[in-house]
Amino acid sequence: MAIKILGDRDFESKPSIQNKALKINLNKNIYGTFAEIGAGQETVRNFFRAGGSSGTIAKTMSAYDKDFSDAIYGEEPDKRYVTESRLHKMIDHEMELIERRISREKHPNKLFFTYANTVATIDFAKRYKGHGWVGLKYQVEPGGGFNKIVLHLRFKENDARLQQNTLGILGTNLIYAAYYAYNNPKQILKDLFDHIDVDQVEVDTINFSGPQFKDVDNRLMSLHLLRNKMTEAVMFSPDGNNVLPAKVLYKKNVLALRGSFRPVTKVNLDIYEKSLELFKKERKVKEKNVQVIFEITLSNLRSKGEIDEEDFLDRAKLLCSLGHTVLISNFQEYYKLVEYLSEYTKERMALGMGVNNLVDIFDERYYRDLSGGILEAFGKLFFKDLRVYLYPFKDEKTGEITTSENLKVHPRMKELYKFFKYNGRVIDIENYNKDILGIFSNKILQMISNNEEGWEDALLEETANMIKDQNLFHREYQELENVGF
C-alpha cells in the first residue's frame, strides 16, 4: 500500500529543493502541518513557492511569543524553548489536532505528517552561532502507526539569514527523504545534506523511532553521521539512544577515557576506576558533577580501511551494558578531544590513559599540520589545568614496569615532558591491580576469534557471558590499523 502511494525514488538523482517540495505537493495523499519557531517559516516557504501546496499543507504556524507558545504546548520545567522536549510536544500536539479534525472516512488514503522545529539563530553579538531541534512525525501507510525522526543541529554560518535558508533546505530534505526513502534510514541521513555543505550546519544527534524504524539501531545511525562528515562527534547513553553531547557535558567535570574497547577488559575498567578515584579528589571537582566518557575514535573503528558495523555494535553493546556513556569522535589527536569538550564545559577535565598513549602524545609527527607544532597542541591539550592519569605498562619479556618516572620520550621532548610532569599535569595511578597488567585487548580479541580457551579471565564475568551468549567478536580476526594521538 505504502509503495503504491509514495511511488519510486531514483537514488542516483538529486532533485532541486523546489522539485522536492513540488513532488510532495503533487502527491495527493501527503497531508500535514508545519510548526516552526525561532527562525521563521523557512521550510514551509519552500512548499508555498513550489506551487500546488493547497492539498498538502493543512496549517502553518509560528508561536513566537513565549506565553502564547506555553498556552499551546505547555510550559517546560526548565523554562527553555529550544529543547528536545519542546519539539516532541509540538509534533505530538499538532498531530493530535490533525487526527481529530480530519475525517478518515472522507480521506481514507491520507498520509498525515507534522513537521516542526524550535531554533535559535546566531545572536547579534555573534558569540553563539545558534542551534535547534528539528522533527517529523509521519505515516507511510494510511491509518498506520506514526514514525518519528528527530535531530539536533548546530549552525556554522555567521549570518542569521543564511542560517534560516539552510534550515529551510534541511527541513525540505527531511520531509522528502522521509517519504521517498522511508525504507532506507541511511539514505535519509545522506539526503539531509542535499544542496547543503558540511561547513554550513552540523547534525550531531538523530533518533529514529516508530514501526517503520523498529529495527533501526540509533547508535549505528550516529556512526553514519560521522562517516558522512555531518558532525565531528556523536554520543549515546547506556540505554542505546543517541543523546545531545551539549546536554550531557554542560558545565560538567569531565573524565574521558579513550580506547578500542574491543572488548572491554579488566585493565580498561581498572583505568576507569582508579582515574575516577583520583579525579574526585581534585580540588575543583565535585563528585555529583562528574561525567565519565568512554571515547572511541573513528579511525580506531576502521579495520583494513573500512568500518565493520557489526564490530562497532559489539563494542557499543558491551559499553552500554556496563552503564557507560560513549562518545564516537573524529578526533585523532587528544588536543582536539579536549577542545571539543571545552565547548560545553569550563570546569576541570582529566584524561585516563596508558603509557603508550602518553608516548604518542609527545610524538611531533602528529602536529605537523599546526603552525605552532607540538607547543600549540599542548597549549590546547592542557587548557584549564587538565590532568592526565597514567596507568603503568608492563613489558611481557622483561617484566619491567613503566610509569611517568621512567617513561622514555624522544630526546627533543624530554624537557617539555619534564615541564608537564613536574608541574603536576601527569599523575601516576599507583594503586593499580598488578595481577592484570599482562592483559591486552588485541590478544584477547584474537583468542575470542580463534575460539581459544582462557580469555574469559581477562574480562568481567557479565561481559564474558554477554560475548558468548550474543556471539560477539567471533568474526575473522583483523588487526586494527595503528592510529596516532
Protein backbone atom coordinates (compact mmCIF):
# COMPACT_ATOMS: atom_id res chain seq x y z
CA MET A 1 0.00 0.00 0.00
CA ALA A 2 2.67 2.47 1.00
CA ILE A 3 4.83 1.78 -2.05
CA LYS A 4 1.96 2.46 -4.46
CA ILE A 5 1.07 5.69 -2.70
CA LEU A 6 4.58 7.02 -2.31
CA GLY A 7 5.99 5.97 -5.64
CA ASP A 8 9.52 5.06 -6.61
CA ARG A 9 12.66 7.03 -5.92
CA ASP A 10 15.75 7.39 -8.10
CA PHE A 11 18.56 7.38 -5.54
CA GLU A 12 21.16 8.49 -8.06
CA SER A 13 19.48 11.82 -8.77
CA LYS A 14 19.49 14.96 -6.64
CA PRO A 15 16.33 16.93 -7.39
CA SER A 16 16.36 20.62 -6.57
CA ILE A 17 14.73 21.85 -3.37
CA GLN A 18 11.89 23.31 -5.43
CA ASN A 19 11.32 19.99 -7.21
CA LYS A 20 11.38 18.10 -3.92
CA ALA A 21 8.73 20.40 -2.46
CA LEU A 22 6.71 20.20 -5.68
CA LYS A 23 6.78 16.40 -5.71
CA ILE A 24 5.46 16.34 -2.14
CA ASN A 25 2.78 18.88 -3.04
CA LEU A 26 1.66 16.91 -6.09
CA ASN A 27 1.26 13.71 -4.08
CA LYS A 28 -2.43 13.86 -3.28
CA ASN A 29 -2.06 11.65 -0.21
CA ILE A 30 0.64 13.51 1.79
CA TYR A 31 -1.02 16.00 4.12
CA GLY A 32 0.11 17.77 7.26
CA THR A 33 1.11 20.69 9.44
CA PHE A 34 4.18 22.91 9.75
CA ALA A 35 5.05 24.46 13.12
CA GLU A 36 8.28 26.49 13.03
CA ILE A 37 9.52 28.57 15.94
CA GLY A 38 12.60 30.74 16.23
CA ALA A 39 13.97 31.11 12.70
CA GLY A 40 10.92 31.98 10.61
CA GLN A 41 8.83 29.66 8.49
CA GLU A 42 11.70 28.77 6.20
CA THR A 43 10.76 25.17 5.45
CA VAL A 44 7.11 25.73 4.63
CA ARG A 45 8.09 28.69 2.44
CA ASN A 46 9.77 26.24 0.05
CA PHE A 47 6.47 24.37 -0.28
CA PHE A 48 4.47 27.54 -0.87
CA ARG A 49 6.92 28.73 -3.52
CA ALA A 50 6.89 25.39 -5.34
CA GLY A 51 3.15 25.64 -6.02
CA GLY A 52 0.32 23.17 -5.57
CA SER A 53 0.59 23.33 -1.79
CA SER A 54 -3.13 23.72 -1.02
CA GLY A 55 -3.63 19.95 -0.94
CA THR A 56 -0.55 19.32 1.21
CA ILE A 57 -0.49 21.99 3.91
CA ALA A 58 -3.25 21.75 6.49
CA LYS A 59 -1.85 24.56 8.62
CA THR A 60 1.32 26.51 9.21
CA MET A 61 2.13 28.44 12.35
CA SER A 62 4.81 30.19 14.40
CA ALA A 63 4.03 30.72 18.07
CA TYR A 64 6.87 33.20 18.65
CA ASP A 65 5.56 34.77 21.85
CA LYS A 66 6.63 32.62 24.78
CA ASP A 67 3.38 33.00 26.69
CA PHE A 68 1.36 32.09 23.63
CA SER A 69 3.63 29.14 22.92
CA ASP A 70 3.23 27.93 26.50
CA ALA A 71 -0.53 28.23 26.18
CA ILE A 72 -0.45 25.90 23.17
CA TYR A 73 2.22 23.35 24.09
CA GLY A 74 2.54 23.74 27.84
CA GLU A 75 5.40 25.08 29.94
CA GLU A 76 8.78 23.37 30.08
CA PRO A 77 10.05 22.55 33.60
CA ASP A 78 13.37 24.28 32.84
CA LYS A 79 11.61 27.28 31.19
CA ARG A 80 13.61 26.72 27.98
CA TYR A 81 12.18 26.57 24.49
CA VAL A 82 14.89 25.23 22.20
CA THR A 83 14.83 21.72 23.61
CA GLU A 84 14.05 18.19 22.50
CA SER A 85 11.17 18.03 24.96
CA ARG A 86 9.61 21.12 23.37
CA LEU A 87 9.93 19.64 19.91
CA HIS A 88 8.17 16.40 20.90
CA LYS A 89 5.34 18.38 22.48
CA MET A 90 4.95 20.37 19.27
CA ILE A 91 4.78 17.44 16.87
CA ASP A 92 2.58 15.36 19.17
CA HIS A 93 0.13 18.22 19.76
CA GLU A 94 -0.14 19.14 16.08
CA MET A 95 -0.62 15.54 15.02
CA GLU A 96 -3.38 15.08 17.60
CA LEU A 97 -5.18 18.07 16.05
CA ILE A 98 -4.92 16.64 12.53
CA GLU A 99 -6.34 13.30 13.59
CA ARG A 100 -9.15 14.97 15.48
CA ARG A 101 -10.12 17.39 12.72
CA ILE A 102 -9.67 15.35 9.53
CA SER A 103 -12.12 12.52 8.91
CA ARG A 104 -10.63 9.18 7.91
CA GLU A 105 -13.89 8.24 6.23
CA LYS A 106 -13.60 11.23 3.93
CA HIS A 107 -9.84 10.88 3.42
CA PRO A 108 -9.03 7.15 3.66
CA ASN A 109 -5.69 7.40 1.81
CA LYS A 110 -4.18 10.41 3.55
CA LEU A 111 -0.68 10.08 4.99
CA PHE A 112 -0.57 12.54 7.88
CA PHE A 113 2.60 14.35 8.90
CA THR A 114 3.70 17.09 11.27
CA TYR A 115 6.97 18.89 10.71
CA ALA A 116 8.30 21.12 13.48
CA ASN A 117 11.41 22.96 14.55
CA THR A 118 12.38 25.09 17.52
CA VAL A 119 15.53 27.02 16.72
CA ALA A 120 17.76 29.85 17.94
CA THR A 121 19.84 31.51 15.24
CA ILE A 122 23.06 33.48 15.76
CA ASP A 123 22.85 36.32 18.28
CA PHE A 124 23.62 39.94 17.45
CA ALA A 125 26.97 39.81 19.26
CA LYS A 126 27.84 36.68 17.26
CA ARG A 127 29.02 34.90 20.40
CA TYR A 128 26.62 31.98 19.96
CA LYS A 129 26.12 30.64 16.46
CA GLY A 130 22.80 29.06 17.25
CA HIS A 131 21.29 25.59 17.31
CA GLY A 132 17.94 23.88 17.18
CA TRP A 133 15.77 20.79 17.17
CA VAL A 134 14.01 19.56 14.03
CA GLY A 135 11.49 16.74 13.87
CA LEU A 136 8.97 14.94 11.71
CA LYS A 137 6.13 12.69 12.81
CA TYR A 138 4.51 10.89 9.90
CA GLN A 139 2.81 7.85 8.40
CA VAL A 140 3.90 5.73 5.44
CA GLU A 141 0.60 3.83 5.31
CA PRO A 142 -2.90 5.32 5.60
CA GLY A 143 -4.12 4.79 9.13
CA GLY A 144 -0.80 3.17 10.05
CA GLY A 145 1.43 3.83 13.01
CA PHE A 146 3.39 7.04 13.35
CA ASN A 147 7.13 7.26 12.90
CA LYS A 148 9.44 9.96 14.22
CA ILE A 149 12.73 11.36 13.02
CA VAL A 150 14.20 13.87 15.48
CA LEU A 151 17.55 15.61 15.05
CA HIS A 152 19.63 18.35 16.61
CA LEU A 153 21.63 20.79 14.52
CA ARG A 154 24.30 23.38 15.19
CA PHE A 155 24.75 26.28 12.79
CA LYS A 156 28.20 27.14 11.45
CA GLU A 157 27.33 30.17 9.32
CA ASN A 158 27.76 33.66 10.74
CA ASP A 159 24.64 35.29 9.34
CA ALA A 160 21.08 34.74 10.58
CA ARG A 161 19.56 34.88 7.08
CA LEU A 162 21.97 32.26 5.80
CA GLN A 163 21.15 30.05 8.77
CA GLN A 164 17.43 30.43 8.11
CA ASN A 165 17.89 29.46 4.48
CA THR A 166 19.96 26.42 5.42
CA LEU A 167 17.31 25.35 7.92
CA GLY A 168 14.64 25.61 5.22
CA ILE A 169 16.65 23.40 2.86
CA LEU A 170 17.36 20.81 5.55
CA GLY A 171 13.71 20.69 6.58
CA THR A 172 12.59 20.15 2.99
CA ASN A 173 15.21 17.43 2.56
CA LEU A 174 13.97 15.71 5.72
CA ILE A 175 10.33 15.60 4.62
CA TYR A 176 11.20 14.45 1.11
CA ALA A 177 13.60 11.74 2.26
CA ALA A 178 11.20 10.55 4.97
CA TYR A 179 8.62 9.75 2.32
CA TYR A 180 10.71 8.74 -0.68
CA ALA A 181 13.45 6.86 1.18
CA TYR A 182 11.29 5.73 4.11
CA ASN A 183 12.64 2.16 4.00
CA ASN A 184 16.30 3.25 3.95
CA PRO A 185 17.41 5.24 7.05
CA LYS A 186 20.99 5.52 5.78
CA GLN A 187 19.71 7.19 2.63
CA ILE A 188 17.57 9.54 4.70
CA LEU A 189 20.73 10.65 6.51
CA LYS A 190 22.59 11.30 3.26
CA ASP A 191 19.66 13.19 1.77
CA LEU A 192 19.56 15.63 4.68
CA PHE A 193 22.60 17.42 3.25
CA ASP A 194 21.43 17.64 -0.37
CA HIS A 195 22.34 21.17 -1.53
CA ILE A 196 23.98 21.84 1.87
CA ASP A 197 27.71 21.97 2.56
CA VAL A 198 29.19 20.50 5.74
CA ASP A 199 30.57 23.97 6.51
CA GLN A 200 27.05 25.35 6.83
CA VAL A 201 25.50 23.18 9.51
CA GLU A 202 26.24 20.18 11.72
CA VAL A 203 23.82 17.42 12.73
CA ASP A 204 25.18 15.93 15.95
CA THR A 205 22.18 13.89 17.15
CA ILE A 206 19.47 11.92 15.38
CA ASN A 207 16.97 9.32 16.54
CA PHE A 208 14.56 7.21 14.51
CA SER A 209 11.51 5.65 16.17
CA GLY A 210 8.17 4.09 15.27
CA PRO A 211 7.03 0.92 13.45
CA GLN A 212 8.89 1.74 10.23
CA PHE A 213 12.18 2.03 12.15
CA LYS A 214 11.66 -0.69 14.76
CA ASP A 215 14.82 -2.50 13.60
CA VAL A 216 16.98 0.63 13.44
CA ASP A 217 19.82 0.84 15.97
CA ASN A 218 20.26 4.57 16.57
CA ARG A 219 23.86 4.04 17.64
CA LEU A 220 24.55 2.89 14.09
CA MET A 221 22.82 6.00 12.78
CA SER A 222 25.21 8.04 14.93
CA LEU A 223 28.12 6.27 13.30
CA HIS A 224 26.80 7.21 9.86
CA LEU A 225 26.57 10.87 10.86
CA LEU A 226 30.32 10.70 11.43
CA ARG A 227 31.03 8.73 8.27
CA ASN A 228 29.06 11.26 6.23
CA LYS A 229 31.06 14.10 7.84
CA MET A 230 27.85 15.65 9.14
CA THR A 231 29.44 16.04 12.59
CA GLU A 232 32.74 15.52 14.40
CA ALA A 233 31.38 13.61 17.38
CA VAL A 234 28.27 11.74 18.49
CA MET A 235 27.21 10.37 21.85
CA PHE A 236 24.92 7.66 23.09
CA SER A 237 23.72 6.79 26.56
CA PRO A 238 23.67 3.41 28.35
CA ASP A 239 20.14 2.77 27.04
CA GLY A 240 21.49 2.81 23.47
CA ASN A 241 19.79 6.03 22.37
CA ASN A 242 21.65 8.94 20.88
CA VAL A 243 21.91 11.91 23.23
CA LEU A 244 22.88 15.53 22.76
CA PRO A 245 26.55 16.00 23.80
CA ALA A 246 25.87 19.56 24.91
CA LYS A 247 23.21 18.37 27.36
CA VAL A 248 25.42 15.62 28.85
CA LEU A 249 28.60 17.70 29.12
CA TYR A 250 27.24 21.13 30.04
CA LYS A 251 29.19 22.56 33.00
CA LYS A 252 30.40 19.09 34.00
CA ASN A 253 33.72 17.89 35.38
CA VAL A 254 34.60 15.51 32.55
CA LEU A 255 36.82 12.44 32.79
CA ALA A 256 37.50 10.95 29.34
CA LEU A 257 38.97 7.53 28.60
CA ARG A 258 39.97 6.63 25.06
CA GLY A 259 40.38 3.08 23.84
CA SER A 260 39.35 0.47 21.32
CA PHE A 261 37.32 -1.41 23.97
CA ARG A 262 37.49 -4.43 21.71
CA PRO A 263 36.49 -5.91 24.13
CA VAL A 264 36.26 -4.05 27.46
CA THR A 265 38.89 -5.73 29.64
CA LYS A 266 39.65 -5.63 33.35
CA VAL A 267 42.52 -3.26 32.52
CA ASN A 268 40.11 -0.79 30.86
CA LEU A 269 37.92 -0.88 33.92
CA ASP A 270 40.87 -0.56 36.31
CA ILE A 271 42.00 2.57 34.46
CA TYR A 272 38.44 3.90 34.72
CA GLU A 273 38.01 3.15 38.42
CA LYS A 274 41.42 4.37 39.55
CA SER A 275 41.28 7.51 37.40
CA LEU A 276 37.85 8.31 38.77
CA GLU A 277 39.13 7.97 42.33
CA LEU A 278 41.93 10.46 41.61
CA PHE A 279 39.64 12.83 39.72
CA LYS A 280 37.14 13.07 42.56
CA LYS A 281 39.95 14.13 44.90
CA GLU A 282 40.87 17.13 42.74
CA ARG A 283 40.28 20.46 44.44
CA LYS A 284 37.88 21.87 41.83
CA VAL A 285 35.93 18.67 41.20
CA LYS A 286 32.54 17.94 42.77
CA GLU A 287 31.62 14.26 42.85
CA LYS A 288 27.99 14.90 41.91
CA ASN A 289 29.12 16.95 38.92
CA VAL A 290 31.39 14.31 37.35
CA GLN A 291 30.63 12.91 33.89
CA VAL A 292 32.71 9.98 32.62
CA ILE A 293 33.01 9.49 28.87
CA PHE A 294 34.33 6.39 27.11
CA GLU A 295 35.60 7.60 23.74
CA ILE A 296 36.34 5.63 20.57
CA THR A 297 37.84 7.42 17.57
CA LEU A 298 36.51 6.82 14.08
CA SER A 299 39.98 5.73 12.95
CA ASN A 300 40.00 3.15 15.76
CA LEU A 301 36.80 1.68 14.33
CA ARG A 302 38.39 1.07 10.95
CA SER A 303 39.67 -2.37 10.06
CA LYS A 304 41.68 -2.58 6.84
CA GLY A 305 40.36 0.82 5.84
CA GLU A 306 36.68 0.01 6.33
CA ILE A 307 34.37 0.28 9.33
CA ASP A 308 32.83 -3.01 10.40
CA GLU A 309 29.33 -2.08 11.60
CA GLU A 310 28.85 -5.34 13.49
CA ASP A 311 32.16 -4.87 15.26
CA PHE A 312 31.12 -1.32 16.21
CA LEU A 313 27.82 -2.54 17.63
CA ASP A 314 29.58 -5.30 19.57
CA ARG A 315 31.71 -2.71 21.36
CA ALA A 316 28.74 -0.40 21.86
CA LYS A 317 26.63 -3.16 23.39
CA LEU A 318 29.34 -4.07 25.89
CA LEU A 319 29.99 -0.49 27.00
CA CYS A 320 26.28 0.26 27.31
CA SER A 321 25.70 -2.94 29.28
CA LEU A 322 28.25 -1.68 31.82
CA GLY A 323 26.31 1.58 32.18
CA HIS A 324 28.72 3.88 30.35
CA THR A 325 28.16 6.92 28.16
CA VAL A 326 30.03 6.58 24.86
CA LEU A 327 31.47 9.24 22.58
CA ILE A 328 32.42 8.36 19.00
CA SER A 329 34.63 11.06 17.52
CA ASN A 330 36.72 12.06 14.56
CA PHE A 331 39.42 13.47 16.85
CA GLN A 332 42.54 11.51 16.16
CA GLU A 333 44.63 13.79 18.39
CA TYR A 334 43.87 14.21 22.08
CA TYR A 335 44.04 18.00 21.97
CA LYS A 336 41.10 18.04 19.54
CA LEU A 337 39.07 15.99 22.00
CA VAL A 338 39.86 18.45 24.78
CA GLU A 339 38.96 21.39 22.52
CA TYR A 340 35.62 19.75 21.79
CA LEU A 341 34.83 19.10 25.45
CA SER A 342 35.80 22.70 26.26
CA GLU A 343 32.97 23.94 24.04
CA TYR A 344 30.49 22.65 26.60
CA THR A 345 32.24 22.98 29.94
CA LYS A 346 34.79 25.26 31.55
CA GLU A 347 35.11 23.02 34.59
CA ARG A 348 38.16 20.87 35.31
CA MET A 349 38.75 17.92 32.99
CA ALA A 350 41.03 14.89 33.01
CA LEU A 351 42.16 12.06 30.76
CA GLY A 352 42.84 8.49 31.84
CA MET A 353 45.30 6.63 29.62
CA GLY A 354 48.08 4.07 29.37
CA VAL A 355 51.80 4.72 28.93
CA ASN A 356 51.81 4.05 25.17
CA ASN A 357 49.16 6.70 24.62
CA LEU A 358 51.17 9.30 26.53
CA VAL A 359 54.29 8.48 24.49
CA ASP A 360 52.28 9.08 21.32
CA ILE A 361 51.10 12.45 22.63
CA PHE A 362 54.75 13.55 22.77
CA ASP A 363 55.38 12.50 19.16
CA GLU A 364 55.90 15.58 16.96
CA ARG A 365 54.70 13.79 13.81
CA TYR A 366 51.08 14.21 14.82
CA TYR A 367 51.26 18.02 14.93
CA ARG A 368 52.86 18.90 11.60
CA ASP A 369 49.62 20.46 10.35
CA LEU A 370 49.70 23.02 13.18
CA SER A 371 51.62 26.26 12.59
CA GLY A 372 52.74 26.19 16.22
CA GLY A 373 53.55 22.48 16.14
CA ILE A 374 53.53 20.48 19.34
CA LEU A 375 53.63 23.61 21.53
CA GLU A 376 50.33 24.82 20.05
CA ALA A 377 48.82 21.37 20.55
CA PHE A 378 49.93 21.23 24.18
CA GLY A 379 48.57 24.70 24.82
CA LYS A 380 45.18 23.37 23.76
CA LEU A 381 45.57 19.98 25.43
CA PHE A 382 46.46 21.24 28.89
CA PHE A 383 43.93 24.05 28.77
CA LYS A 384 42.21 24.76 32.10
CA ASP A 385 44.77 22.83 34.15
CA LEU A 386 43.91 19.45 32.62
CA ARG A 387 45.26 16.32 34.36
CA VAL A 388 46.48 13.07 32.81
CA TYR A 389 46.14 9.96 34.99
CA LEU A 390 48.74 7.50 33.78
CA TYR A 391 48.28 3.74 34.00
CA PRO A 392 51.57 1.75 34.04
CA PHE A 393 52.82 -0.61 31.36
CA LYS A 394 54.44 -3.99 31.99
CA ASP A 395 56.89 -5.39 29.45
CA GLU A 396 55.92 -9.00 28.79
CA LYS A 397 59.52 -10.10 28.14
CA THR A 398 61.47 -8.27 30.84
CA GLY A 399 58.73 -7.70 33.39
CA GLU A 400 59.81 -4.05 33.70
CA ILE A 401 57.03 -1.66 34.72
CA THR A 402 56.98 1.76 33.04
CA THR A 403 55.49 4.76 34.86
CA SER A 404 55.85 8.53 34.42
CA GLU A 405 59.17 8.34 36.26
CA ASN A 406 60.99 6.11 33.76
CA LEU A 407 58.93 6.76 30.63
CA LYS A 408 61.09 7.43 27.56
CA VAL A 409 60.15 10.11 25.04
CA HIS A 410 62.11 11.48 22.07
CA PRO A 411 65.27 13.33 23.26
CA ARG A 412 63.90 16.62 21.89
CA MET A 413 60.77 16.18 24.00
CA LYS A 414 62.49 15.41 27.34
CA GLU A 415 62.42 18.94 28.74
CA LEU A 416 58.84 19.53 27.58
CA TYR A 417 57.79 16.27 29.20
CA LYS A 418 59.56 17.20 32.45
CA PHE A 419 57.75 20.55 32.49
CA PHE A 420 54.30 18.94 32.45
CA LYS A 421 55.31 16.03 34.64
CA TYR A 422 56.78 18.10 37.44
CA ASN A 423 54.03 20.71 37.29
CA GLY A 424 51.51 18.09 38.33
CA ARG A 425 49.85 17.60 34.95
CA VAL A 426 50.84 13.91 34.65
CA ILE A 427 49.87 11.81 37.68
CA ASP A 428 50.68 8.13 38.13
CA ILE A 429 47.94 5.67 39.03
CA GLU A 430 49.64 3.88 41.89
CA ASN A 431 47.05 1.56 43.43
CA TYR A 432 46.56 -0.42 40.21
CA ASN A 433 45.86 -4.13 40.06
CA LYS A 434 49.27 -5.77 39.45
CA ASP A 435 47.67 -9.09 38.51
CA ILE A 436 46.10 -7.79 35.30
CA LEU A 437 48.94 -5.79 33.74
CA GLY A 438 49.54 -8.51 31.16
CA ILE A 439 46.06 -8.17 29.64
CA PHE A 440 45.96 -6.63 26.15
CA SER A 441 42.73 -6.18 24.17
CA ASN A 442 44.20 -7.28 20.84
CA LYS A 443 45.41 -10.55 22.32
CA ILE A 444 42.05 -11.22 23.98
CA LEU A 445 40.21 -10.41 20.76
CA GLN A 446 42.35 -12.87 18.86
CA MET A 447 41.68 -15.57 21.45
CA ILE A 448 37.93 -14.97 21.16
CA SER A 449 38.00 -15.04 17.37
CA ASN A 450 40.08 -18.23 17.33
CA ASN A 451 37.93 -19.91 19.99
CA GLU A 452 40.92 -20.32 22.30
CA GLU A 453 40.36 -21.07 25.96
CA GLY A 454 41.06 -18.76 28.89
CA TRP A 455 40.09 -15.36 27.54
CA GLU A 456 37.18 -15.09 29.98
CA ASP A 457 39.59 -14.46 32.88
CA ALA A 458 40.57 -11.10 31.35
CA LEU A 459 37.01 -9.78 31.43
CA LEU A 460 34.22 -9.27 33.90
CA GLU A 461 32.02 -12.35 34.16
CA GLU A 462 28.98 -10.48 32.85
CA THR A 463 30.98 -9.21 29.86
CA ALA A 464 32.34 -12.66 29.04
CA ASN A 465 28.85 -14.17 29.28
CA MET A 466 27.43 -11.49 27.01
CA ILE A 467 30.11 -12.15 24.39
CA LYS A 468 29.32 -15.86 24.44
CA ASP A 469 25.54 -15.51 24.59
CA GLN A 470 25.37 -13.00 21.74
CA ASN A 471 28.30 -14.42 19.76
CA LEU A 472 30.18 -11.09 19.74
CA PHE A 473 33.59 -10.67 18.08
CA HIS A 474 33.50 -14.14 16.53
CA ARG A 475 34.24 -12.98 13.01
CA GLU A 476 37.60 -13.40 11.34
CA TYR A 477 40.22 -11.55 13.40
CA GLN A 478 41.66 -8.44 11.76
CA GLU A 479 44.43 -6.35 13.22
CA LEU A 480 43.37 -2.75 13.82
CA GLU A 481 45.40 -0.19 11.91
CA ASN A 482 47.68 1.98 14.05
CA VAL A 483 46.29 5.35 14.99
CA GLY A 484 48.10 8.35 16.40
CA PHE A 485 47.16 10.70 19.16
